[in-house]
Amino acid sequence: MKRFITGALLAITCTYALAAKIEYKFYIRYNVENKRIISIKTDKNTPSNIQEKCTEELLNGSASKLLEASAKGKTGTVNLTYFCSH
């Protein structure tokens, strides 16, 4: 049986984001054993072009390495929060 870690929320912020830009919140379920994203959810008011850019960044960009590093030392599935602005 897999154990789920439900209380783990981690805020990862984009280092290049300016203070004037709006940050959108993405909720990520990440499987530590397989090193894979299970699901990505966002708020309803997030524009579709932002959803596409940030999801692509999570799946293929530098943020995917940050997810792996932030989940290091944990087991099962962890819940992470990612803040993205474009």
PDB file of N, CA and C in Angstrom:
ATOM      1  N   MET A   1       0.841  -1.166   0.000  1.00  0.00           N
ATOM      2  CA  MET A   1       0.000   0.000   0.000  1.00  0.00           C
ATOM      3  C   MET A   1       0.896   1.243   0.000  1.00  0.00           C
ATOM      4  N   LYS A   2       0.541   2.158  -0.842  1.00  0.00           N
ATOM      5  CA  LYS A   2       1.326   3.388  -0.906  1.00  0.00           C
ATOM      6  C   LYS A   2       0.872   4.348   0.184  1.00  0.00           C
ATOM      7  N   ARG A   3       1.838   5.006   0.735  1.00  0.00           N
ATOM      8  CA  ARG A   3       1.521   6.017   1.745  1.00  0.00           C
ATOM      9  C   ARG A   3       1.451   7.376   1.064  1.00  0.00           C
ATOM     10  N   PHE A   4       0.502   8.144   1.480  1.00  0.00           N
ATOM     11  CA  PHE A   4       0.338   9.469   0.915  1.00  0.00           C
ATOM     12  C   PHE A   4       0.707  10.520   1.950  1.00  0.00           C
ATOM     13  N   ILE A   5       1.499  11.412   1.527  1.00  0.00           N
ATOM     14  CA  ILE A   5       1.869  12.527   2.394  1.00  0.00           C
ATOM     15  C   ILE A   5       0.980  13.696   2.002  1.00  0.00           C
ATOM     16  N   THR A   6       0.063  14.046   2.887  1.00  0.00           N
ATOM     17  CA  THR A   6      -0.913  15.070   2.534  1.00  0.00           C
ATOM     18  C   THR A   6      -0.566  16.450   3.074  1.00  0.00           C
ATOM     19  N   GLY A   7       0.249  16.494   4.094  1.00  0.00           N
ATOM     20  CA  GLY A   7       0.521  17.789   4.703  1.00  0.00           C
ATOM     21  C   GLY A   7       1.683  18.535   4.093  1.00  0.00           C
ATOM     22  N   ALA A   8       2.281  18.006   3.048  1.00  0.00           N
ATOM     23  CA  ALA A   8       3.486  18.640   2.502  1.00  0.00           C
ATOM     24  C   ALA A   8       3.111  19.615   1.397  1.00  0.00           C
ATOM     25  N   LEU A   9       3.206  20.883   1.687  1.00  0.00           N
ATOM     26  CA  LEU A   9       3.022  21.918   0.679  1.00  0.00           C
ATOM     27  C   LEU A   9       4.329  22.668   0.543  1.00  0.00           C
ATOM     28  N   LEU A  10       4.743  22.840  -0.668  1.00  0.00           N
ATOM     29  CA  LEU A  10       6.010  23.514  -0.910  1.00  0.00           C
ATOM     30  C   LEU A  10       5.785  24.606  -1.937  1.00  0.00           C
ATOM     31  N   ALA A  11       6.233  25.784  -1.613  1.00  0.00           N
ATOM     32  CA  ALA A  11       6.102  26.895  -2.550  1.00  0.00           C
ATOM     33  C   ALA A  11       7.411  27.065  -3.300  1.00  0.00           C
ATOM     34  N   ILE A  12       7.333  26.898  -4.609  1.00  0.00           N
ATOM     35  CA  ILE A  12       8.496  27.112  -5.465  1.00  0.00           C
ATOM     36  C   ILE A  12       8.197  28.356  -6.286  1.00  0.00           C
ATOM     37  N   THR A  13       9.037  29.331  -6.197  1.00  0.00           N
ATOM     38  CA  THR A  13       8.777  30.563  -6.930  1.00  0.00           C
ATOM     39  C   THR A  13       9.746  30.713  -8.083  1.00  0.00           C
ATOM     40  N   CYS A  14       9.271  31.323  -9.123  1.00  0.00           N
ATOM     41  CA  CYS A  14      10.127  31.593 -10.276  1.00  0.00           C
ATOM     42  C   CYS A  14      11.081  32.725  -9.910  1.00  0.00           C
ATOM     43  N   THR A  15      12.354  32.534 -10.149  1.00  0.00           N
ATOM     44  CA  THR A  15      13.335  33.535  -9.746  1.00  0.00           C
ATOM     45  C   THR A  15      13.317  34.756 -10.649  1.00  0.00           C
ATOM     46  N   TYR A  16      12.803  34.612 -11.844  1.00  0.00           N
ATOM     47  CA  TYR A  16      12.791  35.721 -12.774  1.00  0.00           C
ATOM     48  C   TYR A  16      11.501  36.534 -12.721  1.00  0.00           C
ATOM     49  N   ALA A  17      10.580  36.183 -11.860  1.00  0.00           N
ATOM     50  CA  ALA A  17       9.304  36.883 -11.780  1.00  0.00           C
ATOM     51  C   ALA A  17       9.483  38.263 -11.158  1.00  0.00           C
ATOM     52  N   LEU A  18       8.847  39.231 -11.766  1.00  0.00           N
ATOM     53  CA  LEU A  18       8.883  40.586 -11.218  1.00  0.00           C
ATOM     54  C   LEU A  18       7.738  40.764 -10.235  1.00  0.00           C
ATOM     55  N   ALA A  19       7.890  41.718  -9.337  1.00  0.00           N
ATOM     56  CA  ALA A  19       6.873  41.939  -8.309  1.00  0.00           C
ATOM     57  C   ALA A  19       5.557  42.423  -8.915  1.00  0.00           C
ATOM     58  N   ALA A  20       5.605  43.107 -10.043  1.00  0.00           N
ATOM     59  CA  ALA A  20       4.406  43.650 -10.661  1.00  0.00           C
ATOM     60  C   ALA A  20       3.583  42.587 -11.389  1.00  0.00           C
ATOM     61  N   LYS A  21       4.168  41.456 -11.688  1.00  0.00           N
ATOM     62  CA  LYS A  21       3.456  40.409 -12.417  1.00  0.00           C
ATOM     63  C   LYS A  21       2.549  39.626 -11.476  1.00  0.00           C
ATOM     64  N   ILE A  22       1.502  39.083 -12.054  1.00  0.00           N
ATOM     65  CA  ILE A  22       0.575  38.255 -11.296  1.00  0.00           C
ATOM     66  C   ILE A  22       1.122  36.838 -11.250  1.00  0.00           C
ATOM     67  N   GLU A  23       1.064  36.222 -10.088  1.00  0.00           N
ATOM     68  CA  GLU A  23       1.505  34.840  -9.949  1.00  0.00           C
ATOM     69  C   GLU A  23       0.280  33.937  -9.891  1.00  0.00           C
ATOM     70  N   TYR A  24       0.340  32.872 -10.644  1.00  0.00           N
ATOM     71  CA  TYR A  24      -0.739  31.896 -10.683  1.00  0.00           C
ATOM     72  C   TYR A  24      -0.309  30.649  -9.925  1.00  0.00           C
ATOM     73  N   LYS A  25      -1.257  30.081  -9.197  1.00  0.00           N
ATOM     74  CA  LYS A  25      -0.965  28.942  -8.337  1.00  0.00           C
ATOM     75  C   LYS A  25      -1.308  27.638  -9.057  1.00  0.00           C
ATOM     76  N   PHE A  26      -0.350  26.714  -9.058  1.00  0.00           N
ATOM     77  CA  PHE A  26      -0.543  25.391  -9.638  1.00  0.00           C
ATOM     78  C   PHE A  26      -0.363  24.354  -8.536  1.00  0.00           C
ATOM     79  N   TYR A  27      -1.312  23.437  -8.445  1.00  0.00           N
ATOM     80  CA  TYR A  27      -1.278  22.384  -7.437  1.00  0.00           C
ATOM     81  C   TYR A  27      -0.812  21.098  -8.111  1.00  0.00           C
ATOM     82  N   ILE A  28       0.246  20.509  -7.591  1.00  0.00           N
ATOM     83  CA  ILE A  28       0.885  19.372  -8.235  1.00  0.00           C
ATOM     84  C   ILE A  28       0.888  18.179  -7.289  1.00  0.00           C
ATOM     85  N   ARG A  29       0.511  17.015  -7.807  1.00  0.00           N
ATOM     86  CA  ARG A  29       0.683  15.744  -7.089  1.00  0.00           C
ATOM     87  C   ARG A  29       1.848  15.052  -7.760  1.00  0.00           C
ATOM     88  N   TYR A  30       2.868  14.752  -6.975  1.00  0.00           N
ATOM     89  CA  TYR A  30       4.127  14.223  -7.504  1.00  0.00           C
ATOM     90  C   TYR A  30       4.438  12.891  -6.852  1.00  0.00           C
ATOM     91  N   ASN A  31       4.702  11.860  -7.653  1.00  0.00           N
ATOM     92  CA  ASN A  31       5.075  10.542  -7.146  1.00  0.00           C
ATOM     93  C   ASN A  31       6.588  10.490  -7.019  1.00  0.00           C
ATOM     94  N   VAL A  32       7.071  10.307  -5.813  1.00  0.00           N
ATOM     95  CA  VAL A  32       8.503  10.357  -5.537  1.00  0.00           C
ATOM     96  C   VAL A  32       9.219   9.125  -6.090  1.00  0.00           C
ATOM     97  N   GLU A  33       8.606   7.942  -5.953  1.00  0.00           N
ATOM     98  CA  GLU A  33       9.264   6.716  -6.412  1.00  0.00           C
ATOM     99  C   GLU A  33       9.493   6.713  -7.924  1.00  0.00           C
ATOM    100  N   ASN A  34       8.474   7.116  -8.686  1.00  0.00           N
ATOM    101  CA  ASN A  34       8.563   7.112 -10.145  1.00  0.00           C
ATOM    102  C   ASN A  34       9.122   8.411 -10.717  1.00  0.00           C
ATOM    103  N   LYS A  35       9.267   9.421  -9.869  1.00  0.00           N
ATOM    104  CA  LYS A  35       9.721  10.753 -10.284  1.00  0.00           C
ATOM    105  C   LYS A  35       8.857  11.296 -11.422  1.00  0.00           C
ATOM    106  N   ARG A  36       7.542  11.213 -11.209  1.00  0.00           N
ATOM    107  CA  ARG A  36       6.596  11.666 -12.220  1.00  0.00           C
ATOM    108  C   ARG A  36       5.501  12.515 -11.595  1.00  0.00           C
ATOM    109  N   ILE A  37       5.017  13.448 -12.388  1.00  0.00           N
ATOM    110  CA  ILE A  37       3.882  14.265 -11.984  1.00  0.00           C
ATOM    111  C   ILE A  37       2.613  13.462 -12.250  1.00  0.00           C
ATOM    112  N   ILE A  38       1.776  13.333 -11.232  1.00  0.00           N
ATOM    113  CA  ILE A  38       0.519  12.604 -11.371  1.00  0.00           C
ATOM    114  C   ILE A  38      -0.563  13.527 -11.912  1.00  0.00           C
ATOM    115  N   SER A  39      -0.660  14.724 -11.335  1.00  0.00           N
ATOM    116  CA  SER A  39      -1.674  15.666 -11.803  1.00  0.00           C
ATOM    117  C   SER A  39      -1.218  17.096 -11.555  1.00  0.00           C
ATOM    118  N   ILE A  40      -1.727  17.984 -12.406  1.00  0.00           N
ATOM    119  CA  ILE A  40      -1.485  19.422 -12.274  1.00  0.00           C
ATOM    120  C   ILE A  40      -2.847  20.100 -12.337  1.00  0.00           C
ATOM    121  N   LYS A  41      -3.157  20.893 -11.331  1.00  0.00           N
ATOM    122  CA  LYS A  41      -4.421  21.629 -11.297  1.00  0.00           C
ATOM    123  C   LYS A  41      -4.121  23.098 -11.046  1.00  0.00           C
ATOM    124  N   THR A  42      -5.031  23.947 -11.479  1.00  0.00           N
ATOM    125  CA  THR A  42      -4.880  25.377 -11.266  1.00  0.00           C
ATOM    126  C   THR A  42      -6.243  25.994 -11.000  1.00  0.00           C
ATOM    127  N   ASP A  43      -6.246  27.256 -10.635  1.00  0.00           N
ATOM    128  CA  ASP A  43      -7.495  27.965 -10.387  1.00  0.00           C
ATOM    129  C   ASP A  43      -8.240  28.200 -11.701  1.00  0.00           C
ATOM    130  N   LYS A  44      -9.546  28.396 -11.615  1.00  0.00           N
ATOM    131  CA  LYS A  44     -10.366  28.592 -12.810  1.00  0.00           C
ATOM    132  C   LYS A  44     -10.060  29.899 -13.532  1.00  0.00           C
ATOM    133  N   ASN A  45      -9.572  30.893 -12.813  1.00  0.00           N
ATOM    134  CA  ASN A  45      -9.335  32.198 -13.425  1.00  0.00           C
ATOM    135  C   ASN A  45      -7.983  32.303 -14.122  1.00  0.00           C
ATOM    136  N   THR A  46      -7.230  31.232 -14.217  1.00  0.00           N
ATOM    137  CA  THR A  46      -5.932  31.245 -14.882  1.00  0.00           C
ATOM    138  C   THR A  46      -6.143  31.179 -16.389  1.00  0.00           C
ATOM    139  N   PRO A  47      -5.598  32.154 -17.142  1.00  0.00           N
ATOM    140  CA  PRO A  47      -5.760  32.150 -18.603  1.00  0.00           C
ATOM    141  C   PRO A  47      -5.144  30.901 -19.235  1.00  0.00           C
ATOM    142  N   SER A  48      -5.715  30.471 -20.343  1.00  0.00           N
ATOM    143  CA  SER A  48      -5.265  29.225 -20.977  1.00  0.00           C
ATOM    144  C   SER A  48      -3.834  29.310 -21.489  1.00  0.00           C
ATOM    145  N   ASN A  49      -3.409  30.481 -21.985  1.00  0.00           N
ATOM    146  CA  ASN A  49      -2.022  30.597 -22.464  1.00  0.00           C
ATOM    147  C   ASN A  49      -1.030  30.483 -21.312  1.00  0.00           C
ATOM    148  N   ILE A  50      -1.383  30.984 -20.145  1.00  0.00           N
ATOM    149  CA  ILE A  50      -0.533  30.849 -18.956  1.00  0.00           C
ATOM    150  C   ILE A  50      -0.502  29.386 -18.518  1.00  0.00           C
ATOM    151  N   GLN A  51      -1.647  28.726 -18.572  1.00  0.00           N
ATOM    152  CA  GLN A  51      -1.699  27.308 -18.212  1.00  0.00           C
ATOM    153  C   GLN A  51      -0.768  26.491 -19.094  1.00  0.00           C
ATOM    154  N   GLU A  52      -0.781  26.773 -20.399  1.00  0.00           N
ATOM    155  CA  GLU A  52       0.073  26.031 -21.332  1.00  0.00           C
ATOM    156  C   GLU A  52       1.552  26.273 -21.053  1.00  0.00           C
ATOM    157  N   LYS A  53       1.924  27.542 -20.881  1.00  0.00           N
ATOM    158  CA  LYS A  53       3.335  27.879 -20.658  1.00  0.00           C
ATOM    159  C   LYS A  53       3.857  27.289 -19.350  1.00  0.00           C
ATOM    160  N   CYS A  54       3.085  27.436 -18.296  1.00  0.00           N
ATOM    161  CA  CYS A  54       3.536  26.959 -16.990  1.00  0.00           C
ATOM    162  C   CYS A  54       3.544  25.433 -16.919  1.00  0.00           C
ATOM    163  N   THR A  55       2.574  24.790 -17.552  1.00  0.00           N
ATOM    164  CA  THR A  55       2.560  23.331 -17.576  1.00  0.00           C
ATOM    165  C   THR A  55       3.749  22.800 -18.355  1.00  0.00           C
ATOM    166  N   GLU A  56       4.056  23.424 -19.479  1.00  0.00           N
ATOM    167  CA  GLU A  56       5.229  23.023 -20.265  1.00  0.00           C
ATOM    168  C   GLU A  56       6.506  23.206 -19.450  1.00  0.00           C
ATOM    169  N   GLU A  57       6.574  24.298 -18.700  1.00  0.00           N
ATOM    170  CA  GLU A  57       7.730  24.557 -17.833  1.00  0.00           C
ATOM    171  C   GLU A  57       7.861  23.486 -16.753  1.00  0.00           C
ATOM    172  N   LEU A  58       6.730  23.076 -16.199  1.00  0.00           N
ATOM    173  CA  LEU A  58       6.746  22.035 -15.165  1.00  0.00           C
ATOM    174  C   LEU A  58       7.175  20.684 -15.725  1.00  0.00           C
ATOM    175  N   LEU A  59       6.714  20.357 -16.909  1.00  0.00           N
ATOM    176  CA  LEU A  59       6.997  19.040 -17.475  1.00  0.00           C
ATOM    177  C   LEU A  59       8.386  18.931 -18.085  1.00  0.00           C
ATOM    178  N   ASN A  60       8.876  19.994 -18.709  1.00  0.00           N
ATOM    179  CA  ASN A  60      10.132  19.898 -19.452  1.00  0.00           C
ATOM    180  C   ASN A  60      11.212  20.877 -19.024  1.00  0.00           C
ATOM    181  N   GLY A  61      10.852  21.917 -18.325  1.00  0.00           N
ATOM    182  CA  GLY A  61      11.805  22.968 -18.012  1.00  0.00           C
ATOM    183  C   GLY A  61      12.570  22.748 -16.724  1.00  0.00           C
ATOM    184  N   SER A  62      13.159  23.815 -16.259  1.00  0.00           N
ATOM    185  CA  SER A  62      13.967  23.764 -15.040  1.00  0.00           C
ATOM    186  C   SER A  62      13.121  23.470 -13.806  1.00  0.00           C
ATOM    187  N   ALA A  63      11.834  23.767 -13.874  1.00  0.00           N
ATOM    188  CA  ALA A  63      10.961  23.523 -12.725  1.00  0.00           C
ATOM    189  C   ALA A  63      10.823  22.033 -12.427  1.00  0.00           C
ATOM    190  N   SER A  64      10.949  21.189 -13.447  1.00  0.00           N
ATOM    191  CA  SER A  64      10.850  19.742 -13.203  1.00  0.00           C
ATOM    192  C   SER A  64      11.990  19.260 -12.315  1.00  0.00           C
ATOM    193  N   LYS A  65      13.158  19.857 -12.474  1.00  0.00           N
ATOM    194  CA  LYS A  65      14.292  19.505 -11.613  1.00  0.00           C
ATOM    195  C   LYS A  65      14.071  20.019 -10.192  1.00  0.00           C
ATOM    196  N   LEU A  66      13.427  21.173 -10.066  1.00  0.00           N
ATOM    197  CA  LEU A  66      13.117  21.718  -8.743  1.00  0.00           C
ATOM    198  C   LEU A  66      12.102  20.842  -8.011  1.00  0.00           C
ATOM    199  N   LEU A  67      11.138  20.304  -8.749  1.00  0.00           N
ATOM    200  CA  LEU A  67      10.157  19.405  -8.135  1.00  0.00           C
ATOM    201  C   LEU A  67      10.839  18.170  -7.567  1.00  0.00           C
ATOM    202  N   GLU A  68      11.737  17.610  -8.349  1.00  0.00           N
ATOM    203  CA  GLU A  68      12.460  16.416  -7.907  1.00  0.00           C
ATOM    204  C   GLU A  68      13.299  16.714  -6.670  1.00  0.00           C
ATOM    205  N   ALA A  69      13.955  17.863  -6.663  1.00  0.00           N
ATOM    206  CA  ALA A  69      14.790  18.238  -5.524  1.00  0.00           C
ATOM    207  C   ALA A  69      13.949  18.521  -4.281  1.00  0.00           C
ATOM    208  N   SER A  70      12.787  19.137  -4.462  1.00  0.00           N
ATOM    209  CA  SER A  70      11.956  19.471  -3.304  1.00  0.00           C
ATOM    210  C   SER A  70      11.305  18.243  -2.684  1.00  0.00           C
ATOM    211  N   ALA A  71      11.105  17.191  -3.464  1.00  0.00           N
ATOM    212  CA  ALA A  71      10.492  15.969  -2.945  1.00  0.00           C
ATOM    213  C   ALA A  71      11.523  14.973  -2.434  1.00  0.00           C
ATOM    214  N   LYS A  72      12.781  15.320  -2.504  1.00  0.00           N
ATOM    215  CA  LYS A  72      13.841  14.408  -2.079  1.00  0.00           C
ATOM    216  C   LYS A  72      13.711  14.112  -0.584  1.00  0.00           C
ATOM    217  N   GLY A  73      13.873  12.854  -0.233  1.00  0.00           N
ATOM    218  CA  GLY A  73      13.778  12.450   1.163  1.00  0.00           C
ATOM    219  C   GLY A  73      12.378  12.081   1.603  1.00  0.00           C
ATOM    220  N   LYS A  74      11.395  12.266   0.729  1.00  0.00           N
ATOM    221  CA  LYS A  74      10.013  11.917   1.060  1.00  0.00           C
ATOM    222  C   LYS A  74       9.643  10.634   0.321  1.00  0.00           C
ATOM    223  N   THR A  75       8.588   9.982   0.769  1.00  0.00           N
ATOM    224  CA  THR A  75       8.131   8.760   0.116  1.00  0.00           C
ATOM    225  C   THR A  75       6.674   8.903  -0.290  1.00  0.00           C
ATOM    226  N   GLY A  76       6.247   8.086  -1.230  1.00  0.00           N
ATOM    227  CA  GLY A  76       4.853   8.100  -1.656  1.00  0.00           C
ATOM    228  C   GLY A  76       4.561   9.245  -2.598  1.00  0.00           C
ATOM    229  N   THR A  77       3.372   9.786  -2.467  1.00  0.00           N
ATOM    230  CA  THR A  77       2.918  10.892  -3.300  1.00  0.00           C
ATOM    231  C   THR A  77       2.866  12.150  -2.450  1.00  0.00           C
ATOM    232  N   VAL A  78       3.456  13.223  -2.954  1.00  0.00           N
ATOM    233  CA  VAL A  78       3.469  14.479  -2.209  1.00  0.00           C
ATOM    234  C   VAL A  78       2.668  15.527  -2.967  1.00  0.00           C
ATOM    235  N   ASN A  79       2.098  16.453  -2.226  1.00  0.00           N
ATOM    236  CA  ASN A  79       1.373  17.584  -2.797  1.00  0.00           C
ATOM    237  C   ASN A  79       2.284  18.796  -2.760  1.00  0.00           C
ATOM    238  N   LEU A  80       2.472  19.416  -3.915  1.00  0.00           N
ATOM    239  CA  LEU A  80       3.329  20.588  -4.019  1.00  0.00           C
ATOM    240  C   LEU A  80       2.526  21.743  -4.586  1.00  0.00           C
ATOM    241  N   THR A  81       2.932  22.956  -4.262  1.00  0.00           N
ATOM    242  CA  THR A  81       2.324  24.152  -4.824  1.00  0.00           C
ATOM    243  C   THR A  81       3.399  24.911  -5.576  1.00  0.00           C
ATOM    244  N   TYR A  82       3.109  25.266  -6.821  1.00  0.00           N
ATOM    245  CA  TYR A  82       4.062  25.960  -7.683  1.00  0.00           C
ATOM    246  C   TYR A  82       3.454  27.290  -8.092  1.00  0.00           C
ATOM    247  N   PHE A  83       4.201  28.363  -7.925  1.00  0.00           N
ATOM    248  CA  PHE A  83       3.751  29.687  -8.320  1.00  0.00           C
ATOM    249  C   PHE A  83       4.432  30.060  -9.626  1.00  0.00           C
ATOM    250  N   CYS A  84       3.637  30.403 -10.627  1.00  0.00           N
ATOM    251  CA  CYS A  84       4.176  30.692 -11.954  1.00  0.00           C
ATOM    252  C   CYS A  84       3.654  32.049 -12.421  1.00  0.00           C
ATOM    253  N   SER A  85       4.511  32.816 -13.061  1.00  0.00           N
ATOM    254  CA  SER A  85       4.086  34.092 -13.647  1.00  0.00           C
ATOM    255  C   SER A  85       4.752  34.253 -15.000  1.00  0.00           C
ATOM    256  N   HIS A  86       3.990  34.707 -15.964  1.00  0.00           N
ATOM    257  CA  HIS A  86       4.514  34.939 -17.318  1.00  0.00           C
ATOM    258  C   HIS A  86       3.945  36.215 -17.853  1.00  0.00           C
TER     259      HIS A  86
END
